[in-house]
Amino acid sequence: MNGFANFSPVREDGTVELTAIYLKPEYQGKGIGSALLQEGILHSAGANEVYANVERDNEVGRKFYESKMFARVTEFDDEFDGHTLKTLRMVLTLELS
């Protein structure tokens, strides 16, 4: 597998969580991540917002979300395997048609 994206089901409030998006480095920058994001949104009928968390220091991931018009909601400390990660909570507001 060269990459994947994982979306939660759409919640009653119209939000969906992009819980993971990953591509092997050699496949990044080729539009595949954008296609995975768009496909996930297409399969999230009724969603009005997509939320994602990204490590603040993950420049590639953060720039990807920013280029897709995700906005920063908050920053928080996330404990993972004994380490504190600085995490950004981001949201993409979808246009309802």
PDB file of N, CA and C in Angstrom:
ATOM      1  N   MET A   1       0.843  -1.173   0.000  1.00  0.00           N
ATOM      2  CA  MET A   1       0.000   0.000   0.000  1.00  0.00           C
ATOM      3  C   MET A   1       0.893   1.242   0.000  1.00  0.00           C
ATOM      4  N   ASN A   2       0.520   2.191  -0.824  1.00  0.00           N
ATOM      5  CA  ASN A   2       1.312   3.413  -0.952  1.00  0.00           C
ATOM      6  C   ASN A   2       0.749   4.582  -0.159  1.00  0.00           C
ATOM      7  N   GLY A   3      -0.507   4.458   0.271  1.00  0.00           N
ATOM      8  CA  GLY A   3      -1.111   5.516   1.059  1.00  0.00           C
ATOM      9  C   GLY A   3      -2.556   5.200   1.379  1.00  0.00           C
ATOM     10  N   PHE A   4      -3.137   6.000   2.281  1.00  0.00           N
ATOM     11  CA  PHE A   4      -4.534   5.809   2.658  1.00  0.00           C
ATOM     12  C   PHE A   4      -5.046   7.065   3.343  1.00  0.00           C
ATOM     13  N   ALA A   5      -6.354   7.162   3.448  1.00  0.00           N
ATOM     14  CA  ALA A   5      -7.018   8.184   4.249  1.00  0.00           C
ATOM     15  C   ALA A   5      -8.153   7.505   5.002  1.00  0.00           C
ATOM     16  N   ASN A   6      -8.387   7.951   6.223  1.00  0.00           N
ATOM     17  CA  ASN A   6      -9.434   7.366   7.052  1.00  0.00           C
ATOM     18  C   ASN A   6     -10.329   8.490   7.582  1.00  0.00           C
ATOM     19  N   PHE A   7     -11.619   8.397   7.293  1.00  0.00           N
ATOM     20  CA  PHE A   7     -12.607   9.376   7.725  1.00  0.00           C
ATOM     21  C   PHE A   7     -13.598   8.705   8.664  1.00  0.00           C
ATOM     22  N   SER A   8     -14.049   9.442   9.664  1.00  0.00           N
ATOM     23  CA  SER A   8     -15.112   8.943  10.540  1.00  0.00           C
ATOM     24  C   SER A   8     -16.435   9.033   9.796  1.00  0.00           C
ATOM     25  N   PRO A   9     -17.455   8.345  10.300  1.00  0.00           N
ATOM     26  CA  PRO A   9     -18.800   8.592   9.767  1.00  0.00           C
ATOM     27  C   PRO A   9     -19.201  10.044  10.069  1.00  0.00           C
ATOM     28  N   VAL A  10     -20.122  10.575   9.294  1.00  0.00           N
ATOM     29  CA  VAL A  10     -20.634  11.925   9.536  1.00  0.00           C
ATOM     30  C   VAL A  10     -21.471  11.898  10.808  1.00  0.00           C
ATOM     31  N   ARG A  11     -21.184  12.825  11.702  1.00  0.00           N
ATOM     32  CA  ARG A  11     -21.922  12.913  12.964  1.00  0.00           C
ATOM     33  C   ARG A  11     -23.231  13.672  12.756  1.00  0.00           C
ATOM     34  N   GLU A  12     -24.100  13.603  13.736  1.00  0.00           N
ATOM     35  CA  GLU A  12     -25.401  14.281  13.657  1.00  0.00           C
ATOM     36  C   GLU A  12     -25.277  15.785  13.437  1.00  0.00           C
ATOM     37  N   ASP A  13     -24.174  16.381  13.944  1.00  0.00           N
ATOM     38  CA  ASP A  13     -23.987  17.824  13.789  1.00  0.00           C
ATOM     39  C   ASP A  13     -23.355  18.196  12.441  1.00  0.00           C
ATOM     40  N   GLY A  14     -23.157  17.201  11.563  1.00  0.00           N
ATOM     41  CA  GLY A  14     -22.613  17.461  10.232  1.00  0.00           C
ATOM     42  C   GLY A  14     -21.100  17.515  10.164  1.00  0.00           C
ATOM     43  N   THR A  15     -20.431  17.094  11.229  1.00  0.00           N
ATOM     44  CA  THR A  15     -18.968  17.092  11.211  1.00  0.00           C
ATOM     45  C   THR A  15     -18.439  15.698  10.918  1.00  0.00           C
ATOM     46  N   VAL A  16     -17.271  15.676  10.321  1.00  0.00           N
ATOM     47  CA  VAL A  16     -16.577  14.423  10.043  1.00  0.00           C
ATOM     48  C   VAL A  16     -15.119  14.621  10.441  1.00  0.00           C
ATOM     49  N   GLU A  17     -14.501  13.559  10.898  1.00  0.00           N
ATOM     50  CA  GLU A  17     -13.120  13.604  11.359  1.00  0.00           C
ATOM     51  C   GLU A  17     -12.231  12.892  10.341  1.00  0.00           C
ATOM     52  N   LEU A  18     -11.227  13.596   9.840  1.00  0.00           N
ATOM     53  CA  LEU A  18     -10.189  12.963   9.030  1.00  0.00           C
ATOM     54  C   LEU A  18      -9.166  12.462  10.040  1.00  0.00           C
ATOM     55  N   THR A  19      -9.277  11.174  10.386  1.00  0.00           N
ATOM     56  CA  THR A  19      -8.448  10.637  11.466  1.00  0.00           C
ATOM     57  C   THR A  19      -7.038  10.311  11.022  1.00  0.00           C
ATOM     58  N   ALA A  20      -6.851  10.087   9.709  1.00  0.00           N
ATOM     59  CA  ALA A  20      -5.507   9.794   9.214  1.00  0.00           C
ATOM     60  C   ALA A  20      -5.468   9.987   7.708  1.00  0.00           C
ATOM     61  N   ILE A  21      -4.358  10.526   7.254  1.00  0.00           N
ATOM     62  CA  ILE A  21      -4.050  10.552   5.828  1.00  0.00           C
ATOM     63  C   ILE A  21      -2.548  10.355   5.740  1.00  0.00           C
ATOM     64  N   TYR A  22      -2.142   9.397   4.939  1.00  0.00           N
ATOM     65  CA  TYR A  22      -0.721   9.059   4.872  1.00  0.00           C
ATOM     66  C   TYR A  22      -0.359   8.635   3.460  1.00  0.00           C
ATOM     67  N   LEU A  23       0.774   9.119   3.004  1.00  0.00           N
ATOM     68  CA  LEU A  23       1.372   8.675   1.740  1.00  0.00           C
ATOM     69  C   LEU A  23       2.847   8.430   1.980  1.00  0.00           C
ATOM     70  N   LYS A  24       3.368   7.386   1.381  1.00  0.00           N
ATOM     71  CA  LYS A  24       4.814   7.183   1.423  1.00  0.00           C
ATOM     72  C   LYS A  24       5.467   8.420   0.815  1.00  0.00           C
ATOM     73  N   PRO A  25       6.623   8.824   1.339  1.00  0.00           N
ATOM     74  CA  PRO A  25       7.256  10.057   0.864  1.00  0.00           C
ATOM     75  C   PRO A  25       7.433  10.139  -0.653  1.00  0.00           C
ATOM     76  N   GLU A  26       7.730   9.039  -1.296  1.00  0.00           N
ATOM     77  CA  GLU A  26       7.954   9.090  -2.750  1.00  0.00           C
ATOM     78  C   GLU A  26       6.674   9.350  -3.543  1.00  0.00           C
ATOM     79  N   TYR A  27       5.510   9.272  -2.885  1.00  0.00           N
ATOM     80  CA  TYR A  27       4.234   9.531  -3.552  1.00  0.00           C
ATOM     81  C   TYR A  27       3.654  10.898  -3.178  1.00  0.00           C
ATOM     82  N   GLN A  28       4.320  11.607  -2.276  1.00  0.00           N
ATOM     83  CA  GLN A  28       3.841  12.925  -1.863  1.00  0.00           C
ATOM     84  C   GLN A  28       4.135  13.955  -2.954  1.00  0.00           C
ATOM     85  N   GLY A  29       3.294  14.984  -3.030  1.00  0.00           N
ATOM     86  CA  GLY A  29       3.493  16.054  -4.003  1.00  0.00           C
ATOM     87  C   GLY A  29       3.017  15.720  -5.401  1.00  0.00           C
ATOM     88  N   LYS A  30       2.238  14.657  -5.547  1.00  0.00           N
ATOM     89  CA  LYS A  30       1.759  14.234  -6.865  1.00  0.00           C
ATOM     90  C   LYS A  30       0.242  14.347  -6.997  1.00  0.00           C
ATOM     91  N   GLY A  31      -0.400  14.969  -6.025  1.00  0.00           N
ATOM     92  CA  GLY A  31      -1.845  15.145  -6.077  1.00  0.00           C
ATOM     93  C   GLY A  31      -2.644  13.993  -5.488  1.00  0.00           C
ATOM     94  N   ILE A  32      -1.958  12.970  -5.002  1.00  0.00           N
ATOM     95  CA  ILE A  32      -2.654  11.795  -4.469  1.00  0.00           C
ATOM     96  C   ILE A  32      -3.347  12.127  -3.143  1.00  0.00           C
ATOM     97  N   GLY A  33      -2.676  12.866  -2.270  1.00  0.00           N
ATOM     98  CA  GLY A  33      -3.282  13.258  -1.004  1.00  0.00           C
ATOM     99  C   GLY A  33      -4.514  14.114  -1.232  1.00  0.00           C
ATOM    100  N   SER A  34      -4.439  15.018  -2.188  1.00  0.00           N
ATOM    101  CA  SER A  34      -5.592  15.852  -2.533  1.00  0.00           C
ATOM    102  C   SER A  34      -6.743  14.994  -3.028  1.00  0.00           C
ATOM    103  N   ALA A  35      -6.429  14.003  -3.857  1.00  0.00           N
ATOM    104  CA  ALA A  35      -7.465  13.104  -4.377  1.00  0.00           C
ATOM    105  C   ALA A  35      -8.091  12.281  -3.246  1.00  0.00           C
ATOM    106  N   LEU A  36      -7.282  11.808  -2.307  1.00  0.00           N
ATOM    107  CA  LEU A  36      -7.807  11.055  -1.167  1.00  0.00           C
ATOM    108  C   LEU A  36      -8.729  11.934  -0.323  1.00  0.00           C
ATOM    109  N   LEU A  37      -8.322  13.180  -0.096  1.00  0.00           N
ATOM    110  CA  LEU A  37      -9.157  14.107   0.672  1.00  0.00           C
ATOM    111  C   LEU A  37     -10.482  14.339  -0.040  1.00  0.00           C
ATOM    112  N   GLN A  38     -10.443  14.622  -1.320  1.00  0.00           N
ATOM    113  CA  GLN A  38     -11.666  14.878  -2.076  1.00  0.00           C
ATOM    114  C   GLN A  38     -12.584  13.658  -2.116  1.00  0.00           C
ATOM    115  N   GLU A  39     -12.008  12.494  -2.274  1.00  0.00           N
ATOM    116  CA  GLU A  39     -12.808  11.262  -2.305  1.00  0.00           C
ATOM    117  C   GLU A  39     -13.490  11.035  -0.962  1.00  0.00           C
ATOM    118  N   GLY A  40     -12.758  11.269   0.121  1.00  0.00           N
ATOM    119  CA  GLY A  40     -13.348  11.126   1.452  1.00  0.00           C
ATOM    120  C   GLY A  40     -14.492  12.096   1.663  1.00  0.00           C
ATOM    121  N   ILE A  41     -14.328  13.316   1.192  1.00  0.00           N
ATOM    122  CA  ILE A  41     -15.389  14.313   1.315  1.00  0.00           C
ATOM    123  C   ILE A  41     -16.603  13.889   0.494  1.00  0.00           C
ATOM    124  N   LEU A  42     -16.375  13.375  -0.719  1.00  0.00           N
ATOM    125  CA  LEU A  42     -17.478  12.914  -1.567  1.00  0.00           C
ATOM    126  C   LEU A  42     -18.293  11.812  -0.895  1.00  0.00           C
ATOM    127  N   HIS A  43     -17.619  10.958  -0.112  1.00  0.00           N
ATOM    128  CA  HIS A  43     -18.289   9.856   0.566  1.00  0.00           C
ATOM    129  C   HIS A  43     -18.808  10.242   1.955  1.00  0.00           C
ATOM    130  N   SER A  44     -18.754  11.534   2.261  1.00  0.00           N
ATOM    131  CA  SER A  44     -19.232  12.032   3.555  1.00  0.00           C
ATOM    132  C   SER A  44     -20.452  12.917   3.332  1.00  0.00           C
ATOM    133  N   ALA A  45     -21.456  12.353   2.696  1.00  0.00           N
ATOM    134  CA  ALA A  45     -22.672  13.105   2.367  1.00  0.00           C
ATOM    135  C   ALA A  45     -23.272  13.732   3.619  1.00  0.00           C
ATOM    136  N   GLY A  46     -23.621  14.989   3.522  1.00  0.00           N
ATOM    137  CA  GLY A  46     -24.229  15.703   4.633  1.00  0.00           C
ATOM    138  C   GLY A  46     -23.238  16.401   5.542  1.00  0.00           C
ATOM    139  N   ALA A  47     -21.947  16.214   5.297  1.00  0.00           N
ATOM    140  CA  ALA A  47     -20.937  16.862   6.141  1.00  0.00           C
ATOM    141  C   ALA A  47     -20.851  18.345   5.805  1.00  0.00           C
ATOM    142  N   ASN A  48     -20.668  19.161   6.841  1.00  0.00           N
ATOM    143  CA  ASN A  48     -20.462  20.585   6.613  1.00  0.00           C
ATOM    144  C   ASN A  48     -19.092  21.056   7.102  1.00  0.00           C
ATOM    145  N   GLU A  49     -18.410  20.205   7.874  1.00  0.00           N
ATOM    146  CA  GLU A  49     -17.062  20.513   8.340  1.00  0.00           C
ATOM    147  C   GLU A  49     -16.243  19.231   8.441  1.00  0.00           C
ATOM    148  N   VAL A  50     -14.963  19.344   8.065  1.00  0.00           N
ATOM    149  CA  VAL A  50     -14.016  18.242   8.205  1.00  0.00           C
ATOM    150  C   VAL A  50     -12.947  18.699   9.193  1.00  0.00           C
ATOM    151  N   TYR A  51     -12.761  17.934  10.251  1.00  0.00           N
ATOM    152  CA  TYR A  51     -11.746  18.244  11.261  1.00  0.00           C
ATOM    153  C   TYR A  51     -10.553  17.309  11.113  1.00  0.00           C
ATOM    154  N   ALA A  52      -9.378  17.840  11.417  1.00  0.00           N
ATOM    155  CA  ALA A  52      -8.149  17.042  11.382  1.00  0.00           C
ATOM    156  C   ALA A  52      -7.197  17.574  12.442  1.00  0.00           C
ATOM    157  N   ASN A  53      -6.385  16.692  12.988  1.00  0.00           N
ATOM    158  CA  ASN A  53      -5.315  17.068  13.908  1.00  0.00           C
ATOM    159  C   ASN A  53      -3.991  16.804  13.220  1.00  0.00           C
ATOM    160  N   VAL A  54      -3.031  17.710  13.424  1.00  0.00           N
ATOM    161  CA  VAL A  54      -1.703  17.544  12.845  1.00  0.00           C
ATOM    162  C   VAL A  54      -0.682  18.079  13.853  1.00  0.00           C
ATOM    163  N   GLU A  55       0.442  17.398  13.949  1.00  0.00           N
ATOM    164  CA  GLU A  55       1.500  17.886  14.825  1.00  0.00           C
ATOM    165  C   GLU A  55       1.966  19.247  14.331  1.00  0.00           C
ATOM    166  N   ARG A  56       2.103  20.181  15.253  1.00  0.00           N
ATOM    167  CA  ARG A  56       2.517  21.538  14.897  1.00  0.00           C
ATOM    168  C   ARG A  56       3.834  21.543  14.128  1.00  0.00           C
ATOM    169  N   ASP A  57       4.762  20.672  14.493  1.00  0.00           N
ATOM    170  CA  ASP A  57       6.072  20.654  13.848  1.00  0.00           C
ATOM    171  C   ASP A  57       6.106  19.812  12.568  1.00  0.00           C
ATOM    172  N   ASN A  58       4.996  19.220  12.191  1.00  0.00           N
ATOM    173  CA  ASN A  58       4.910  18.457  10.946  1.00  0.00           C
ATOM    174  C   ASN A  58       4.637  19.448   9.814  1.00  0.00           C
ATOM    175  N   GLU A  59       5.707  20.047   9.312  1.00  0.00           N
ATOM    176  CA  GLU A  59       5.575  21.109   8.321  1.00  0.00           C
ATOM    177  C   GLU A  59       4.890  20.638   7.045  1.00  0.00           C
ATOM    178  N   VAL A  60       5.213  19.441   6.586  1.00  0.00           N
ATOM    179  CA  VAL A  60       4.594  18.915   5.364  1.00  0.00           C
ATOM    180  C   VAL A  60       3.091  18.752   5.564  1.00  0.00           C
ATOM    181  N   GLY A  61       2.700  18.116   6.670  1.00  0.00           N
ATOM    182  CA  GLY A  61       1.289  17.898   6.945  1.00  0.00           C
ATOM    183  C   GLY A  61       0.536  19.202   7.161  1.00  0.00           C
ATOM    184  N   ARG A  62       1.133  20.101   7.928  1.00  0.00           N
ATOM    185  CA  ARG A  62       0.488  21.379   8.212  1.00  0.00           C
ATOM    186  C   ARG A  62       0.291  22.183   6.927  1.00  0.00           C
ATOM    187  N   LYS A  63       1.299  22.236   6.085  1.00  0.00           N
ATOM    188  CA  LYS A  63       1.188  22.979   4.823  1.00  0.00           C
ATOM    189  C   LYS A  63       0.162  22.338   3.891  1.00  0.00           C
ATOM    190  N   PHE A  64       0.059  21.012   3.921  1.00  0.00           N
ATOM    191  CA  PHE A  64      -0.961  20.340   3.113  1.00  0.00           C
ATOM    192  C   PHE A  64      -2.348  20.823   3.527  1.00  0.00           C
ATOM    193  N   TYR A  65      -2.635  20.768   4.828  1.00  0.00           N
ATOM    194  CA  TYR A  65      -3.952  21.192   5.296  1.00  0.00           C
ATOM    195  C   TYR A  65      -4.202  22.668   5.007  1.00  0.00           C
ATOM    196  N   GLU A  66      -3.209  23.493   5.232  1.00  0.00           N
ATOM    197  CA  GLU A  66      -3.368  24.925   4.966  1.00  0.00           C
ATOM    198  C   GLU A  66      -3.642  25.175   3.482  1.00  0.00           C
ATOM    199  N   SER A  67      -2.986  24.426   2.597  1.00  0.00           N
ATOM    200  CA  SER A  67      -3.194  24.608   1.156  1.00  0.00           C
ATOM    201  C   SER A  67      -4.587  24.161   0.724  1.00  0.00           C
ATOM    202  N   LYS A  68      -5.227  23.333   1.534  1.00  0.00           N
ATOM    203  CA  LYS A  68      -6.586  22.855   1.245  1.00  0.00           C
ATOM    204  C   LYS A  68      -7.631  23.700   1.966  1.00  0.00           C
ATOM    205  N   MET A  69      -7.199  24.831   2.525  1.00  0.00           N
ATOM    206  CA  MET A  69      -8.084  25.807   3.165  1.00  0.00           C
ATOM    207  C   MET A  69      -8.580  25.378   4.550  1.00  0.00           C
ATOM    208  N   PHE A  70      -7.874  24.458   5.194  1.00  0.00           N
ATOM    209  CA  PHE A  70      -8.163  24.158   6.593  1.00  0.00           C
ATOM    210  C   PHE A  70      -7.695  25.351   7.428  1.00  0.00           C
ATOM    211  N   ALA A  71      -8.473  25.717   8.427  1.00  0.00           N
ATOM    212  CA  ALA A  71      -8.122  26.807   9.332  1.00  0.00           C
ATOM    213  C   ALA A  71      -7.807  26.238  10.711  1.00  0.00           C
ATOM    214  N   ARG A  72      -6.900  26.895  11.410  1.00  0.00           N
ATOM    215  CA  ARG A  72      -6.553  26.476  12.764  1.00  0.00           C
ATOM    216  C   ARG A  72      -7.698  26.807  13.721  1.00  0.00           C
ATOM    217  N   VAL A  73      -8.048  25.819  14.533  1.00  0.00           N
ATOM    218  CA  VAL A  73      -9.089  26.008  15.530  1.00  0.00           C
ATOM    219  C   VAL A  73      -8.452  26.223  16.898  1.00  0.00           C
ATOM    220  N   THR A  74      -7.510  25.348  17.237  1.00  0.00           N
ATOM    221  CA  THR A  74      -6.856  25.412  18.542  1.00  0.00           C
ATOM    222  C   THR A  74      -5.544  24.643  18.486  1.00  0.00           C
ATOM    223  N   GLU A  75      -4.752  24.817  19.514  1.00  0.00           N
ATOM    224  CA  GLU A  75      -3.517  24.052  19.688  1.00  0.00           C
ATOM    225  C   GLU A  75      -3.562  23.433  21.073  1.00  0.00           C
ATOM    226  N   PHE A  76      -3.117  22.173  21.167  1.00  0.00           N
ATOM    227  CA  PHE A  76      -3.159  21.503  22.466  1.00  0.00           C
ATOM    228  C   PHE A  76      -2.011  20.520  22.581  1.00  0.00           C
ATOM    229  N   ASP A  77      -1.723  20.128  23.810  1.00  0.00           N
ATOM    230  CA  ASP A  77      -0.716  19.101  24.077  1.00  0.00           C
ATOM    231  C   ASP A  77      -1.388  17.746  23.997  1.00  0.00           C
ATOM    232  N   ASP A  78      -0.756  16.838  23.285  1.00  0.00           N
ATOM    233  CA  ASP A  78      -1.282  15.490  23.105  1.00  0.00           C
ATOM    234  C   ASP A  78      -0.230  14.510  23.618  1.00  0.00           C
ATOM    235  N   GLU A  79      -0.594  13.724  24.608  1.00  0.00           N
ATOM    236  CA  GLU A  79       0.330  12.741  25.173  1.00  0.00           C
ATOM    237  C   GLU A  79       0.308  11.487  24.310  1.00  0.00           C
ATOM    238  N   PHE A  80       1.477  11.074  23.833  1.00  0.00           N
ATOM    239  CA  PHE A  80       1.573   9.896  22.979  1.00  0.00           C
ATOM    240  C   PHE A  80       2.825   9.117  23.339  1.00  0.00           C
ATOM    241  N   ASP A  81       2.637   7.897  23.835  1.00  0.00           N
ATOM    242  CA  ASP A  81       3.752   6.996  24.132  1.00  0.00           C
ATOM    243  C   ASP A  81       4.813   7.660  25.010  1.00  0.00           C
ATOM    244  N   GLY A  82       4.355   8.415  26.015  1.00  0.00           N
ATOM    245  CA  GLY A  82       5.275   9.052  26.947  1.00  0.00           C
ATOM    246  C   GLY A  82       5.870  10.361  26.461  1.00  0.00           C
ATOM    247  N   HIS A  83       5.437  10.846  25.319  1.00  0.00           N
ATOM    248  CA  HIS A  83       5.936  12.110  24.776  1.00  0.00           C
ATOM    249  C   HIS A  83       4.788  13.101  24.635  1.00  0.00           C
ATOM    250  N   THR A  84       5.100  14.362  24.814  1.00  0.00           N
ATOM    251  CA  THR A  84       4.103  15.409  24.627  1.00  0.00           C
ATOM    252  C   THR A  84       4.264  15.991  23.230  1.00  0.00           C
ATOM    253  N   LEU A  85       3.198  15.888  22.434  1.00  0.00           N
ATOM    254  CA  LEU A  85       3.206  16.432  21.087  1.00  0.00           C
ATOM    255  C   LEU A  85       2.369  17.707  21.072  1.00  0.00           C
ATOM    256  N   LYS A  86       2.866  18.722  20.423  1.00  0.00           N
ATOM    257  CA  LYS A  86       2.104  19.953  20.209  1.00  0.00           C
ATOM    258  C   LYS A  86       1.248  19.715  18.969  1.00  0.00           C
ATOM    259  N   THR A  87      -0.060  19.729  19.148  1.00  0.00           N
ATOM    260  CA  THR A  87      -0.980  19.347  18.079  1.00  0.00           C
ATOM    261  C   THR A  87      -1.894  20.510  17.715  1.00  0.00           C
ATOM    262  N   LEU A  88      -2.101  20.695  16.411  1.00  0.00           N
ATOM    263  CA  LEU A  88      -3.035  21.691  15.906  1.00  0.00           C
ATOM    264  C   LEU A  88      -4.331  21.009  15.528  1.00  0.00           C
ATOM    265  N   ARG A  89      -5.435  21.598  15.929  1.00  0.00           N
ATOM    266  CA  ARG A  89      -6.768  21.156  15.516  1.00  0.00           C
ATOM    267  C   ARG A  89      -7.181  22.085  14.384  1.00  0.00           C
ATOM    268  N   MET A  90      -7.530  21.505  13.234  1.00  0.00           N
ATOM    269  CA  MET A  90      -7.851  22.297  12.055  1.00  0.00           C
ATOM    270  C   MET A  90      -9.210  21.893  11.513  1.00  0.00           C
ATOM    271  N   VAL A  91      -9.851  22.807  10.790  1.00  0.00           N
ATOM    272  CA  VAL A  91     -11.172  22.546  10.238  1.00  0.00           C
ATOM    273  C   VAL A  91     -11.261  23.082   8.816  1.00  0.00           C
ATOM    274  N   LEU A  92     -11.946  22.316   7.991  1.00  0.00           N
ATOM    275  CA  LEU A  92     -12.300  22.725   6.633  1.00  0.00           C
ATOM    276  C   LEU A  92     -13.812  22.858   6.585  1.00  0.00           C
ATOM    277  N   THR A  93     -14.289  24.059   6.293  1.00  0.00           N
ATOM    278  CA  THR A  93     -15.732  24.286   6.165  1.00  0.00           C
ATOM    279  C   THR A  93     -16.133  24.003   4.722  1.00  0.00           C
ATOM    280  N   LEU A  94     -17.114  23.112   4.573  1.00  0.00           N
ATOM    281  CA  LEU A  94     -17.546  22.704   3.242  1.00  0.00           C
ATOM    282  C   LEU A  94     -18.720  23.559   2.787  1.00  0.00           C
ATOM    283  N   GLU A  95     -18.755  23.815   1.497  1.00  0.00           N
ATOM    284  CA  GLU A  95     -19.895  24.507   0.910  1.00  0.00           C
ATOM    285  C   GLU A  95     -20.975  23.468   0.659  1.00  0.00           C
ATOM    286  N   LEU A  96     -22.141  23.703   1.172  1.00  0.00           N
ATOM    287  CA  LEU A  96     -23.257  22.786   0.956  1.00  0.00           C
ATOM    288  C   LEU A  96     -23.929  23.142  -0.354  1.00  0.00           C
ATOM    289  N   SER A  97     -24.175  22.106  -1.158  1.00  0.00           N
ATOM    290  CA  SER A  97     -24.842  22.376  -2.447  1.00  0.00           C
ATOM    291  C   SER A  97     -26.264  21.890  -2.449  1.00  0.00           C
TER     292      SER A  97
END
